[in-house]
Amino acid sequence: MEKSQKIRWGIIGAGKIATKFASDLSTSQTGELVAVASTSLQRAQEFALKFDAEFAFGSYEEIFSVEIDAIYVATPHTFHKEHTLLCLNHGVAVLCEKPFGMDEDEVKEMIQLAKSKNVFLMEAMWTRFLPSTLKTLELIESGAIGEVVTIYADFGFRADFDPESRLYNMKLGGGAFLDIGIYPAFLSLLILGYPTGIQATSTFSPTGSDITTSFIYAYDNLSTAVLNCTVASETHSEAIIYGSKGHIILHKRFHEARKLTLVNSDGEEQVFDFSRDTFGYNYEIEEVNHCLANGKKESDLMTQELSLKLIHLLDQTRAAAGIKY
């Protein structure tokens, strides 16, 4: 693909996750970073210089002054809807970082606008496109572990308390659940579908953000999901999918697993290696590039309907745990 044919990307927000995304975008043969926008012109300029982007802007609105095919929204949770709508109203395709919005109403508004404008929109649930995730689904579908009985998944790291930080500031959508609890919740949704029963409990910081949230989902087929997230401790951060004939281990950290192990009922193990030189965002990048090159308005793997189910699940779990914004 010639350079002129590449999908031209812009990034709104120049923080840590945008840096990882831009690093992986630089490995793409089908897309290129053209512009970055931040509330700080200096930060945008430094970011653009680091990743060889042609344009840097000190406001988000300015990025639309240049030709852009797609924008990655990498701002804090509470700004996802605002910045996605900004892009859609300019007719620019959007890959919005997770969680898609702060609640189901926000996500519905985003999707409705995308449809009315006939513009591509996708939630950046990058784990959906990783080879380890695809292999897990393939193994389950093939019957390698029989019927899924229960899923265990946790995700935890230690973050010192800072009331102004992204993880603890409620004005930025702080808390463990929306930031990292979304990953075990999404895994259960992907494998078992929507639960018929939800139980959840949380512990809270002085700012009101959840420090630890533990949640259990129950399903009509008698399967369960036992899930946990925390910003108070470094945990195993593995996922184990137990079936009637064996189990699958998605090794640390499961949401970006580079290795999985299939264990059959006799205890025999088969290891699958998914080593990579990237952070793993390149897979969702290529999905968006492919969709745009083929005139699609949403992904077949990370559909807008799936994002609606996910945010509904997050809302219901938050309600059960008493997490309020």
Foldseek 3Di string as FASTA:
>chain_A
DDPVQAAEEEEEDQDDVVLQLLVLQLVDPRHAYAEYEYCQQVSRVVSCVVNVHNYYYNHLLVVLVDDHAEYEYDAFQACLLVSLVSQLVSVHAYAYEPPNHPFLVSLVVSVVSLVVSVAAYFYLLLLLQAPVNVVVQVCVVVCVQNAWAEKEFEAEAADDDDCPDCQNPVSRVHAFCRPPVLQLLLSCCVRPNAAPDKAKAFDADPSQHTAKMWMKGAHPVNHIYTYIYGNHHGDQCKMWTHGPFWIKIQGPVNSQGQKMWTQGNVRDIDIDGNDDPGSRSNRVVVQVSVCVVVSHRYGPRRGSVSSSSSSNRSVVNCVNHVRDD
